[in-house]
């Protein structure tokens, strides 16, 4: 099972950003670099998203994006 990042929409997170009780996973999204429970503890997902977009929607992880990665397509899937 995979989960989507609420900031950038990357659909392949290994853990949910937050569990049913609202506890953060502290996983870091390889796409936008947000650590759940850290950056999103004081800044909204929409503001973090706006910053990522303003920064050029660049892939964050040194491992590189998966084949066919499309930032605009994944952003279109966010239901916030």
N, C-alpha and C. Protein backbone atom coordinates (compact mmCIF):
# COMPACT_ATOMS: atom_id res chain seq x y z
N UNK A 1 0.85 -1.18 0.00
CA UNK A 1 0.00 0.00 0.00
C UNK A 1 0.89 1.24 0.00
N UNK A 2 0.50 2.23 -0.74
CA UNK A 2 1.24 3.49 -0.75
C UNK A 2 0.28 4.64 -0.44
N UNK A 3 0.87 5.76 -0.08
CA UNK A 3 0.11 6.92 0.37
C UNK A 3 0.56 8.15 -0.41
N UNK A 4 -0.32 9.14 -0.51
CA UNK A 4 0.00 10.37 -1.24
C UNK A 4 0.46 11.47 -0.29
N UNK A 5 1.40 12.24 -0.75
CA UNK A 5 1.87 13.41 0.01
C UNK A 5 0.81 14.50 -0.07
N UNK A 6 0.38 15.05 1.06
CA UNK A 6 -0.62 16.11 1.04
C UNK A 6 -0.07 17.46 0.57
N UNK A 7 1.24 17.56 0.44
CA UNK A 7 1.87 18.80 -0.01
C UNK A 7 2.01 18.82 -1.53
N UNK A 8 2.67 17.80 -2.09
CA UNK A 8 2.96 17.80 -3.52
C UNK A 8 2.16 16.78 -4.32
N UNK A 9 1.49 15.86 -3.62
CA UNK A 9 0.68 14.85 -4.30
C UNK A 9 1.44 13.61 -4.72
N UNK A 10 2.73 13.50 -4.39
CA UNK A 10 3.49 12.30 -4.76
C UNK A 10 2.77 11.08 -4.21
N UNK A 11 2.41 10.12 -5.07
CA UNK A 11 1.52 9.02 -4.65
C UNK A 11 2.20 7.77 -4.11
N UNK A 12 3.50 7.80 -3.84
CA UNK A 12 4.20 6.56 -3.49
C UNK A 12 4.91 6.60 -2.14
N UNK A 13 4.34 7.28 -1.16
CA UNK A 13 4.92 7.26 0.18
C UNK A 13 4.71 5.89 0.81
N UNK A 14 5.70 5.43 1.59
CA UNK A 14 5.60 4.14 2.25
C UNK A 14 4.66 4.16 3.45
N UNK A 15 4.54 5.32 4.10
CA UNK A 15 3.68 5.47 5.27
C UNK A 15 2.74 6.65 5.08
N UNK A 16 1.60 6.59 5.74
CA UNK A 16 0.69 7.73 5.74
C UNK A 16 1.37 8.89 6.46
N UNK A 17 1.23 10.13 5.98
CA UNK A 17 1.85 11.27 6.66
C UNK A 17 1.43 11.38 8.12
N UNK A 18 0.17 11.05 8.40
CA UNK A 18 -0.34 11.03 9.77
C UNK A 18 -1.27 9.83 9.92
N UNK A 19 -1.28 9.24 11.11
CA UNK A 19 -2.15 8.09 11.35
C UNK A 19 -3.55 8.55 11.76
N UNK A 20 -4.40 7.61 12.10
CA UNK A 20 -5.79 7.91 12.45
C UNK A 20 -5.92 8.83 13.67
N UNK A 21 -4.93 8.81 14.55
CA UNK A 21 -4.94 9.67 15.73
C UNK A 21 -4.29 11.03 15.47
N UNK A 22 -3.76 11.22 14.26
CA UNK A 22 -3.12 12.48 13.91
C UNK A 22 -1.63 12.54 14.21
N UNK A 23 -1.05 11.41 14.62
CA UNK A 23 0.38 11.37 14.90
C UNK A 23 1.17 11.32 13.60
N UNK A 24 2.21 12.11 13.52
CA UNK A 24 3.02 12.21 12.31
C UNK A 24 3.91 10.99 12.14
N UNK A 25 4.16 10.64 10.89
CA UNK A 25 5.04 9.52 10.58
C UNK A 25 6.52 9.93 10.62
N UNK A 26 6.80 11.21 10.46
CA UNK A 26 8.15 11.75 10.35
C UNK A 26 8.87 11.22 9.11
N UNK A 27 8.09 10.66 8.17
CA UNK A 27 8.64 10.27 6.88
C UNK A 27 8.92 11.55 6.09
N UNK A 28 9.92 11.50 5.24
CA UNK A 28 10.25 12.64 4.37
C UNK A 28 9.82 12.29 2.96
N UNK A 29 9.04 13.16 2.35
CA UNK A 29 8.60 12.94 0.98
C UNK A 29 9.81 13.09 0.05
N UNK A 30 10.09 12.08 -0.78
CA UNK A 30 11.25 12.18 -1.67
C UNK A 30 11.05 13.21 -2.78
N UNK A 31 9.82 13.60 -3.01
CA UNK A 31 9.53 14.56 -4.08
C UNK A 31 9.73 16.00 -3.62
N UNK A 32 9.03 16.42 -2.57
CA UNK A 32 9.10 17.82 -2.13
C UNK A 32 10.00 18.03 -0.92
N UNK A 33 10.40 16.94 -0.23
CA UNK A 33 11.31 17.05 0.90
C UNK A 33 10.68 17.41 2.23
N UNK A 34 9.37 17.44 2.30
CA UNK A 34 8.68 17.78 3.56
C UNK A 34 8.77 16.61 4.53
N UNK A 35 9.14 16.89 5.77
CA UNK A 35 9.12 15.87 6.82
C UNK A 35 7.83 16.07 7.61
N UNK A 36 6.97 15.06 7.57
CA UNK A 36 5.68 15.14 8.25
C UNK A 36 5.89 15.10 9.75
N UNK A 37 5.34 16.11 10.42
CA UNK A 37 5.51 16.25 11.85
C UNK A 37 6.56 17.30 12.17
N UNK A 38 7.27 17.77 11.17
CA UNK A 38 8.26 18.83 11.38
C UNK A 38 7.83 20.09 10.65
N UNK A 39 8.03 20.14 9.33
CA UNK A 39 7.64 21.35 8.59
C UNK A 39 6.14 21.61 8.67
N UNK A 40 5.34 20.53 8.60
CA UNK A 40 3.89 20.74 8.61
C UNK A 40 3.31 20.90 10.01
N UNK A 41 4.16 20.93 11.02
CA UNK A 41 3.67 21.17 12.38
C UNK A 41 3.33 22.64 12.59
N UNK A 42 3.98 23.52 11.85
CA UNK A 42 3.76 24.95 12.03
C UNK A 42 3.35 25.68 10.75
N UNK A 43 3.35 24.96 9.63
CA UNK A 43 3.02 25.57 8.34
C UNK A 43 2.01 24.67 7.62
N UNK A 44 0.98 25.27 7.05
CA UNK A 44 -0.06 24.48 6.39
C UNK A 44 0.46 23.79 5.13
N UNK A 45 -0.20 22.72 4.77
CA UNK A 45 0.17 22.00 3.55
C UNK A 45 0.04 22.90 2.32
N UNK A 46 -0.99 23.74 2.30
CA UNK A 46 -1.16 24.61 1.14
C UNK A 46 -0.03 25.64 1.04
N UNK A 47 0.46 26.14 2.17
CA UNK A 47 1.58 27.08 2.14
C UNK A 47 2.87 26.37 1.73
N UNK A 48 3.08 25.16 2.26
CA UNK A 48 4.26 24.39 1.87
C UNK A 48 4.21 24.06 0.37
N UNK A 49 3.02 23.76 -0.12
CA UNK A 49 2.84 23.48 -1.55
C UNK A 49 3.19 24.70 -2.38
N UNK A 50 2.70 25.86 -1.96
CA UNK A 50 2.98 27.10 -2.68
C UNK A 50 4.48 27.37 -2.73
N UNK A 51 5.18 27.10 -1.65
CA UNK A 51 6.64 27.29 -1.62
C UNK A 51 7.33 26.33 -2.58
N UNK A 52 6.89 25.07 -2.60
CA UNK A 52 7.49 24.07 -3.50
C UNK A 52 7.25 24.47 -4.96
N UNK A 53 6.05 24.91 -5.25
CA UNK A 53 5.74 25.36 -6.61
C UNK A 53 6.58 26.58 -6.98
N UNK A 54 6.66 27.55 -6.08
CA UNK A 54 7.45 28.76 -6.34
C UNK A 54 8.93 28.43 -6.54
N UNK A 55 9.39 27.35 -5.92
CA UNK A 55 10.78 26.93 -6.06
C UNK A 55 11.05 26.12 -7.32
N UNK A 56 10.03 25.96 -8.14
CA UNK A 56 10.23 25.28 -9.41
C UNK A 56 9.77 23.83 -9.47
N UNK A 57 9.09 23.35 -8.41
CA UNK A 57 8.57 21.98 -8.38
C UNK A 57 9.69 20.96 -8.64
N UNK A 58 10.83 21.20 -8.02
CA UNK A 58 11.98 20.32 -8.23
C UNK A 58 11.90 19.06 -7.37
N UNK A 59 12.39 17.97 -7.93
CA UNK A 59 12.50 16.71 -7.19
C UNK A 59 13.54 16.90 -6.10
N UNK A 60 13.24 16.48 -4.89
CA UNK A 60 14.09 16.74 -3.74
C UNK A 60 15.16 15.66 -3.50
N UNK A 61 14.80 14.40 -3.59
CA UNK A 61 15.71 13.32 -3.22
C UNK A 61 16.85 13.14 -4.20
N UNK A 62 18.01 12.79 -3.67
CA UNK A 62 19.18 12.52 -4.50
C UNK A 62 18.99 11.28 -5.37
N UNK A 63 18.06 10.41 -5.01
CA UNK A 63 17.82 9.17 -5.76
C UNK A 63 17.17 9.42 -7.12
N UNK A 64 16.63 10.58 -7.31
CA UNK A 64 16.00 10.89 -8.58
C UNK A 64 14.56 10.42 -8.65
N UNK A 65 13.79 11.05 -9.52
CA UNK A 65 12.36 10.72 -9.62
C UNK A 65 12.13 9.39 -10.34
N UNK A 66 10.96 8.79 -10.11
CA UNK A 66 10.63 7.56 -10.83
C UNK A 66 10.43 7.86 -12.32
N UNK A 67 10.56 6.85 -13.15
CA UNK A 67 10.34 7.06 -14.59
C UNK A 67 8.96 7.65 -14.86
N UNK A 68 8.92 8.64 -15.71
CA UNK A 68 7.64 9.26 -16.07
C UNK A 68 7.10 10.24 -15.07
N UNK A 69 7.91 10.61 -14.07
CA UNK A 69 7.43 11.53 -13.03
C UNK A 69 6.96 12.84 -13.65
N UNK A 70 5.81 13.31 -13.20
CA UNK A 70 5.21 14.54 -13.72
C UNK A 70 4.63 15.33 -12.55
N UNK A 71 5.31 16.39 -12.16
CA UNK A 71 4.88 17.19 -11.00
C UNK A 71 3.48 17.76 -11.20
N UNK A 72 3.19 18.24 -12.40
CA UNK A 72 1.88 18.84 -12.64
C UNK A 72 0.75 17.82 -12.55
N UNK A 73 0.99 16.61 -13.03
CA UNK A 73 -0.02 15.55 -12.96
C UNK A 73 -0.31 15.17 -11.51
N UNK A 74 0.74 15.06 -10.70
CA UNK A 74 0.48 14.68 -9.31
C UNK A 74 -0.17 15.82 -8.53
N UNK A 75 0.16 17.05 -8.85
CA UNK A 75 -0.51 18.18 -8.19
C UNK A 75 -2.00 18.20 -8.52
N UNK A 76 -2.35 17.80 -9.73
CA UNK A 76 -3.76 17.80 -10.14
C UNK A 76 -4.58 16.79 -9.35
N UNK A 77 -3.93 15.82 -8.72
CA UNK A 77 -4.63 14.78 -7.95
C UNK A 77 -4.90 15.17 -6.50
N UNK A 78 -4.34 16.28 -6.05
CA UNK A 78 -4.55 16.70 -4.65
C UNK A 78 -5.99 17.16 -4.49
N UNK A 79 -6.66 16.63 -3.47
CA UNK A 79 -8.08 16.94 -3.26
C UNK A 79 -8.30 17.92 -2.11
N UNK A 80 -7.36 18.78 -1.86
CA UNK A 80 -7.47 19.71 -0.73
C UNK A 80 -8.18 20.96 -1.12
